């Protein structure tokens, strides 16, 4: 039973990886918009870029991991 549940959380294909990266990007942009509202000016823009930059780095790692499994 535990193996079946564990298998649900394994990314097997690039399509699944792209879907997860898309969801991460939506969340980071939403958080970035909140940062722009809370910290107007240059600080908010830096925090917005940090949020979206983290998705680029995480997405690259996810795609590399999927490529290594194949």
PDB file of N, CA and C in Angstrom:
ATOM      1  N   UNK A   1       0.821  -1.192   0.000  1.00  0.00           N
ATOM      2  CA  UNK A   1       0.000   0.000   0.000  1.00  0.00           C
ATOM      3  C   UNK A   1       0.864   1.255   0.000  1.00  0.00           C
ATOM      4  N   UNK A   2       1.925   1.244   0.791  1.00  0.00           N
ATOM      5  CA  UNK A   2       2.816   2.404   0.852  1.00  0.00           C
ATOM      6  C   UNK A   2       3.522   2.655  -0.467  1.00  0.00           C
ATOM      7  N   UNK A   3       3.850   1.578  -1.185  1.00  0.00           N
ATOM      8  CA  UNK A   3       4.518   1.732  -2.481  1.00  0.00           C
ATOM      9  C   UNK A   3       3.591   2.379  -3.506  1.00  0.00           C
ATOM     10  N   UNK A   4       2.315   2.052  -3.440  1.00  0.00           N
ATOM     11  CA  UNK A   4       1.357   2.648  -4.370  1.00  0.00           C
ATOM     12  C   UNK A   4       1.197   4.141  -4.121  1.00  0.00           C
ATOM     13  N   UNK A   5       1.161   4.519  -2.858  1.00  0.00           N
ATOM     14  CA  UNK A   5       1.041   5.948  -2.530  1.00  0.00           C
ATOM     15  C   UNK A   5       2.328   6.679  -2.902  1.00  0.00           C
ATOM     16  N   UNK A   6       3.466   6.058  -2.653  1.00  0.00           N
ATOM     17  CA  UNK A   6       4.752   6.676  -2.983  1.00  0.00           C
ATOM     18  C   UNK A   6       4.876   6.905  -4.491  1.00  0.00           C
ATOM     19  N   UNK A   7       4.348   5.993  -5.274  1.00  0.00           N
ATOM     20  CA  UNK A   7       4.437   6.106  -6.730  1.00  0.00           C
ATOM     21  C   UNK A   7       3.679   7.322  -7.269  1.00  0.00           C
ATOM     22  N   UNK A   8       2.682   7.800  -6.530  1.00  0.00           N
ATOM     23  CA  UNK A   8       1.934   8.981  -6.963  1.00  0.00           C
ATOM     24  C   UNK A   8       2.785  10.243  -6.951  1.00  0.00           C
ATOM     25  N   UNK A   9       3.825  10.266  -6.120  1.00  0.00           N
ATOM     26  CA  UNK A   9       4.636  11.462  -5.965  1.00  0.00           C
ATOM     27  C   UNK A   9       5.941  11.410  -6.751  1.00  0.00           C
ATOM     28  N   UNK A  10       6.075  10.464  -7.659  1.00  0.00           N
ATOM     29  CA  UNK A  10       7.269  10.347  -8.489  1.00  0.00           C
ATOM     30  C   UNK A  10       6.965  10.949  -9.861  1.00  0.00           C
ATOM     31  N   UNK A  11       7.831  11.843 -10.305  1.00  0.00           N
ATOM     32  CA  UNK A  11       7.672  12.470 -11.617  1.00  0.00           C
ATOM     33  C   UNK A  11       8.314  11.550 -12.643  1.00  0.00           C
ATOM     34  N   UNK A  12       7.512  11.019 -13.561  1.00  0.00           N
ATOM     35  CA  UNK A  12       8.008  10.031 -14.507  1.00  0.00           C
ATOM     36  C   UNK A  12       8.283  10.586 -15.908  1.00  0.00           C
ATOM     37  N   UNK A  13       7.500  11.558 -16.335  1.00  0.00           N
ATOM     38  CA  UNK A  13       7.634  12.055 -17.701  1.00  0.00           C
ATOM     39  C   UNK A  13       7.913  13.555 -17.698  1.00  0.00           C
ATOM     40  N   UNK A  14       8.376  14.032 -18.853  1.00  0.00           N
ATOM     41  CA  UNK A  14       8.617  15.473 -18.984  1.00  0.00           C
ATOM     42  C   UNK A  14       7.317  16.264 -18.901  1.00  0.00           C
ATOM     43  N   UNK A  15       6.230  15.673 -19.373  1.00  0.00           N
ATOM     44  CA  UNK A  15       4.951  16.363 -19.309  1.00  0.00           C
ATOM     45  C   UNK A  15       4.568  16.643 -17.867  1.00  0.00           C
ATOM     46  N   UNK A  16       4.750  15.655 -16.993  1.00  0.00           N
ATOM     47  CA  UNK A  16       4.462  15.856 -15.572  1.00  0.00           C
ATOM     48  C   UNK A  16       5.384  16.924 -14.987  1.00  0.00           C
ATOM     49  N   UNK A  17       6.643  16.923 -15.402  1.00  0.00           N
ATOM     50  CA  UNK A  17       7.593  17.922 -14.914  1.00  0.00           C
ATOM     51  C   UNK A  17       7.164  19.318 -15.347  1.00  0.00           C
ATOM     52  N   UNK A  18       6.746  19.449 -16.594  1.00  0.00           N
ATOM     53  CA  UNK A  18       6.298  20.760 -17.077  1.00  0.00           C
ATOM     54  C   UNK A  18       5.054  21.233 -16.323  1.00  0.00           C
ATOM     55  N   UNK A  19       4.143  20.322 -16.007  1.00  0.00           N
ATOM     56  CA  UNK A  19       2.942  20.694 -15.262  1.00  0.00           C
ATOM     57  C   UNK A  19       3.303  21.186 -13.860  1.00  0.00           C
ATOM     58  N   UNK A  20       4.251  20.532 -13.227  1.00  0.00           N
ATOM     59  CA  UNK A  20       4.675  20.947 -11.887  1.00  0.00           C
ATOM     60  C   UNK A  20       5.390  22.288 -11.946  1.00  0.00           C
ATOM     61  N   UNK A  21       6.240  22.477 -12.942  1.00  0.00           N
ATOM     62  CA  UNK A  21       6.954  23.747 -13.086  1.00  0.00           C
ATOM     63  C   UNK A  21       5.962  24.882 -13.356  1.00  0.00           C
ATOM     64  N   UNK A  22       4.938  24.609 -14.151  1.00  0.00           N
ATOM     65  CA  UNK A  22       3.908  25.621 -14.414  1.00  0.00           C
ATOM     66  C   UNK A  22       3.197  26.014 -13.122  1.00  0.00           C
ATOM     67  N   UNK A  23       2.844  25.024 -12.306  1.00  0.00           N
ATOM     68  CA  UNK A  23       2.178  25.318 -11.038  1.00  0.00           C
ATOM     69  C   UNK A  23       3.092  26.115 -10.115  1.00  0.00           C
ATOM     70  N   UNK A  24       4.363  25.767 -10.075  1.00  0.00           N
ATOM     71  CA  UNK A  24       5.317  26.528  -9.264  1.00  0.00           C
ATOM     72  C   UNK A  24       5.424  27.970  -9.759  1.00  0.00           C
ATOM     73  N   UNK A  25       5.426  28.140 -11.077  1.00  0.00           N
ATOM     74  CA  UNK A  25       5.533  29.484 -11.645  1.00  0.00           C
ATOM     75  C   UNK A  25       4.309  30.333 -11.302  1.00  0.00           C
ATOM     76  N   UNK A  26       3.130  29.730 -11.371  1.00  0.00           N
ATOM     77  CA  UNK A  26       1.919  30.478 -11.011  1.00  0.00           C
ATOM     78  C   UNK A  26       1.969  30.934  -9.556  1.00  0.00           C
ATOM     79  N   UNK A  27       2.403  30.048  -8.683  1.00  0.00           N
ATOM     80  CA  UNK A  27       2.501  30.404  -7.274  1.00  0.00           C
ATOM     81  C   UNK A  27       3.543  31.476  -7.010  1.00  0.00           C
ATOM     82  N   UNK A  28       4.669  31.380  -7.711  1.00  0.00           N
ATOM     83  CA  UNK A  28       5.724  32.373  -7.471  1.00  0.00           C
ATOM     84  C   UNK A  28       5.328  33.746  -7.998  1.00  0.00           C
ATOM     85  N   UNK A  29       4.635  33.798  -9.106  1.00  0.00           N
ATOM     86  CA  UNK A  29       4.180  35.093  -9.630  1.00  0.00           C
ATOM     87  C   UNK A  29       3.139  35.697  -8.695  1.00  0.00           C
ATOM     88  N   UNK A  30       2.261  34.853  -8.166  1.00  0.00           N
ATOM     89  CA  UNK A  30       1.262  35.352  -7.206  1.00  0.00           C
ATOM     90  C   UNK A  30       1.957  35.920  -5.969  1.00  0.00           C
ATOM     91  N   UNK A  31       2.960  35.207  -5.474  1.00  0.00           N
ATOM     92  CA  UNK A  31       3.699  35.705  -4.310  1.00  0.00           C
ATOM     93  C   UNK A  31       4.467  36.973  -4.667  1.00  0.00           C
ATOM     94  N   UNK A  32       5.028  37.021  -5.872  1.00  0.00           N
ATOM     95  CA  UNK A  32       5.741  38.209  -6.309  1.00  0.00           C
ATOM     96  C   UNK A  32       4.847  39.432  -6.388  1.00  0.00           C
ATOM     97  N   UNK A  33       3.614  39.245  -6.827  1.00  0.00           N
ATOM     98  CA  UNK A  33       2.661  40.357  -6.887  1.00  0.00           C
ATOM     99  C   UNK A  33       2.359  40.869  -5.483  1.00  0.00           C
ATOM    100  N   UNK A  34       2.260  39.947  -4.541  1.00  0.00           N
ATOM    101  CA  UNK A  34       2.044  40.361  -3.144  1.00  0.00           C
ATOM    102  C   UNK A  34       3.247  41.158  -2.649  1.00  0.00           C
ATOM    103  N   UNK A  35       4.457  40.702  -2.987  1.00  0.00           N
ATOM    104  CA  UNK A  35       5.657  41.449  -2.598  1.00  0.00           C
ATOM    105  C   UNK A  35       5.671  42.848  -3.203  1.00  0.00           C
ATOM    106  N   UNK A  36       5.272  42.973  -4.468  1.00  0.00           N
ATOM    107  CA  UNK A  36       5.235  44.289  -5.100  1.00  0.00           C
ATOM    108  C   UNK A  36       4.253  45.213  -4.392  1.00  0.00           C
ATOM    109  N   UNK A  37       3.163  44.642  -3.884  1.00  0.00           N
ATOM    110  CA  UNK A  37       2.181  45.444  -3.169  1.00  0.00           C
ATOM    111  C   UNK A  37       2.698  45.851  -1.782  1.00  0.00           C
ATOM    112  N   UNK A  38       3.353  44.926  -1.102  1.00  0.00           N
ATOM    113  CA  UNK A  38       3.834  45.202   0.256  1.00  0.00           C
ATOM    114  C   UNK A  38       5.077  46.077   0.270  1.00  0.00           C
ATOM    115  N   UNK A  39       5.948  45.880  -0.703  1.00  0.00           N
ATOM    116  CA  UNK A  39       7.212  46.620  -0.758  1.00  0.00           C
ATOM    117  C   UNK A  39       7.309  47.357  -2.091  1.00  0.00           C
ATOM    118  N   UNK A  40       6.690  48.513  -2.207  1.00  0.00           N
ATOM    119  CA  UNK A  40       6.752  49.231  -3.476  1.00  0.00           C
ATOM    120  C   UNK A  40       8.180  49.712  -3.756  1.00  0.00           C
ATOM    121  N   UNK A  41       8.508  49.771  -5.022  1.00  0.00           N
ATOM    122  CA  UNK A  41       9.826  50.255  -5.401  1.00  0.00           C
ATOM    123  C   UNK A  41      10.787  49.124  -5.737  1.00  0.00           C
ATOM    124  N   UNK A  42      12.054  49.443  -5.578  1.00  0.00           N
ATOM    125  CA  UNK A  42      13.121  48.534  -5.999  1.00  0.00           C
ATOM    126  C   UNK A  42      13.148  47.247  -5.181  1.00  0.00           C
ATOM    127  N   UNK A  43      12.865  47.334  -3.880  1.00  0.00           N
ATOM    128  CA  UNK A  43      12.869  46.148  -3.026  1.00  0.00           C
ATOM    129  C   UNK A  43      11.832  45.122  -3.439  1.00  0.00           C
ATOM    130  N   UNK A  44      10.638  45.565  -3.767  1.00  0.00           N
ATOM    131  CA  UNK A  44       9.588  44.666  -4.223  1.00  0.00           C
ATOM    132  C   UNK A  44       9.939  43.990  -5.531  1.00  0.00           C
ATOM    133  N   UNK A  45      10.577  44.764  -6.428  1.00  0.00           N
ATOM    134  CA  UNK A  45      10.985  44.184  -7.712  1.00  0.00           C
ATOM    135  C   UNK A  45      12.062  43.121  -7.527  1.00  0.00           C
ATOM    136  N   UNK A  46      12.980  43.361  -6.591  1.00  0.00           N
ATOM    137  CA  UNK A  46      14.009  42.359  -6.316  1.00  0.00           C
ATOM    138  C   UNK A  46      13.405  41.081  -5.737  1.00  0.00           C
ATOM    139  N   UNK A  47      12.453  41.237  -4.830  1.00  0.00           N
ATOM    140  CA  UNK A  47      11.799  40.065  -4.263  1.00  0.00           C
ATOM    141  C   UNK A  47      10.998  39.313  -5.324  1.00  0.00           C
ATOM    142  N   UNK A  48      10.350  40.036  -6.232  1.00  0.00           N
ATOM    143  CA  UNK A  48       9.624  39.404  -7.332  1.00  0.00           C
ATOM    144  C   UNK A  48      10.581  38.596  -8.209  1.00  0.00           C
ATOM    145  N   UNK A  49      11.723  39.177  -8.526  1.00  0.00           N
ATOM    146  CA  UNK A  49      12.715  38.459  -9.333  1.00  0.00           C
ATOM    147  C   UNK A  49      13.273  37.245  -8.605  1.00  0.00           C
ATOM    148  N   UNK A  50      13.416  37.348  -7.292  1.00  0.00           N
ATOM    149  CA  UNK A  50      13.898  36.207  -6.517  1.00  0.00           C
ATOM    150  C   UNK A  50      12.892  35.058  -6.569  1.00  0.00           C
ATOM    151  N   UNK A  51      11.612  35.384  -6.485  1.00  0.00           N
ATOM    152  CA  UNK A  51      10.575  34.346  -6.559  1.00  0.00           C
ATOM    153  C   UNK A  51      10.607  33.627  -7.905  1.00  0.00           C
ATOM    154  N   UNK A  52      10.644  34.395  -8.976  1.00  0.00           N
ATOM    155  CA  UNK A  52      10.623  33.772 -10.304  1.00  0.00           C
ATOM    156  C   UNK A  52      11.955  33.092 -10.622  1.00  0.00           C
ATOM    157  N   UNK A  53      13.041  33.631 -10.126  1.00  0.00           N
ATOM    158  CA  UNK A  53      14.343  32.993 -10.349  1.00  0.00           C
ATOM    159  C   UNK A  53      14.433  31.638  -9.684  1.00  0.00           C
ATOM    160  N   UNK A  54      13.804  31.495  -8.535  1.00  0.00           N
ATOM    161  CA  UNK A  54      13.807  30.205  -7.846  1.00  0.00           C
ATOM    162  C   UNK A  54      13.090  29.142  -8.684  1.00  0.00           C
ATOM    163  N   UNK A  55      12.055  29.542  -9.405  1.00  0.00           N
ATOM    164  CA  UNK A  55      11.348  28.587 -10.260  1.00  0.00           C
ATOM    165  C   UNK A  55      12.236  28.150 -11.415  1.00  0.00           C
ATOM    166  N   UNK A  56      13.010  29.072 -11.992  1.00  0.00           N
ATOM    167  CA  UNK A  56      13.924  28.697 -13.069  1.00  0.00           C
ATOM    168  C   UNK A  56      14.946  27.670 -12.590  1.00  0.00           C
ATOM    169  N   UNK A  57      15.505  27.898 -11.418  1.00  0.00           N
ATOM    170  CA  UNK A  57      16.505  26.967 -10.895  1.00  0.00           C
ATOM    171  C   UNK A  57      15.880  25.624 -10.527  1.00  0.00           C
ATOM    172  N   UNK A  58      14.722  25.671  -9.869  1.00  0.00           N
ATOM    173  CA  UNK A  58      14.043  24.429  -9.501  1.00  0.00           C
ATOM    174  C   UNK A  58      13.566  23.658 -10.722  1.00  0.00           C
ATOM    175  N   UNK A  59      13.063  24.375 -11.709  1.00  0.00           N
ATOM    176  CA  UNK A  59      12.611  23.719 -12.935  1.00  0.00           C
ATOM    177  C   UNK A  59      13.736  23.028 -13.671  1.00  0.00           C
ATOM    178  N   UNK A  60      14.891  23.650 -13.692  1.00  0.00           N
ATOM    179  CA  UNK A  60      16.045  23.028 -14.348  1.00  0.00           C
ATOM    180  C   UNK A  60      16.441  21.741 -13.635  1.00  0.00           C
ATOM    181  N   UNK A  61      16.426  21.759 -12.303  1.00  0.00           N
ATOM    182  CA  UNK A  61      16.763  20.557 -11.532  1.00  0.00           C
ATOM    183  C   UNK A  61      15.732  19.453 -11.761  1.00  0.00           C
ATOM    184  N   UNK A  62      14.466  19.820 -11.826  1.00  0.00           N
ATOM    185  CA  UNK A  62      13.416  18.823 -12.060  1.00  0.00           C
ATOM    186  C   UNK A  62      13.597  18.190 -13.435  1.00  0.00           C
ATOM    187  N   UNK A  63      13.844  19.011 -14.453  1.00  0.00           N
ATOM    188  CA  UNK A  63      14.021  18.467 -15.806  1.00  0.00           C
ATOM    189  C   UNK A  63      15.275  17.602 -15.904  1.00  0.00           C
ATOM    190  N   UNK A  64      16.343  17.996 -15.234  1.00  0.00           N
ATOM    191  CA  UNK A  64      17.551  17.162 -15.221  1.00  0.00           C
ATOM    192  C   UNK A  64      17.278  15.811 -14.550  1.00  0.00           C
ATOM    193  N   UNK A  65      16.517  15.816 -13.487  1.00  0.00           N
ATOM    194  CA  UNK A  65      16.210  14.572 -12.793  1.00  0.00           C
ATOM    195  C   UNK A  65      15.351  13.648 -13.647  1.00  0.00           C
ATOM    196  N   UNK A  66      14.402  14.216 -14.380  1.00  0.00           N
ATOM    197  CA  UNK A  66      13.560  13.402 -15.246  1.00  0.00           C
ATOM    198  C   UNK A  66      14.387  12.827 -16.388  1.00  0.00           C
ATOM    199  N   UNK A  67      15.288  13.637 -16.938  1.00  0.00           N
ATOM    200  CA  UNK A  67      16.144  13.179 -18.025  1.00  0.00           C
ATOM    201  C   UNK A  67      17.063  12.053 -17.561  1.00  0.00           C
ATOM    202  N   UNK A  68      17.519  12.092 -16.316  1.00  0.00           N
ATOM    203  CA  UNK A  68      18.429  11.077 -15.785  1.00  0.00           C
ATOM    204  C   UNK A  68      17.709   9.748 -15.567  1.00  0.00           C
ATOM    205  N   UNK A  69      16.411   9.782 -15.294  1.00  0.00           N
ATOM    206  CA  UNK A  69      15.664   8.541 -15.056  1.00  0.00           C
ATOM    207  C   UNK A  69      15.458   7.748 -16.325  1.00  0.00           C
ATOM    208  N   UNK A  70      15.367   8.427 -17.458  1.00  0.00           N
ATOM    209  CA  UNK A  70      15.053   7.752 -18.725  1.00  0.00           C
ATOM    210  C   UNK A  70      16.195   6.959 -19.221  1.00  0.00           C
TER     211      UNK A  70
END
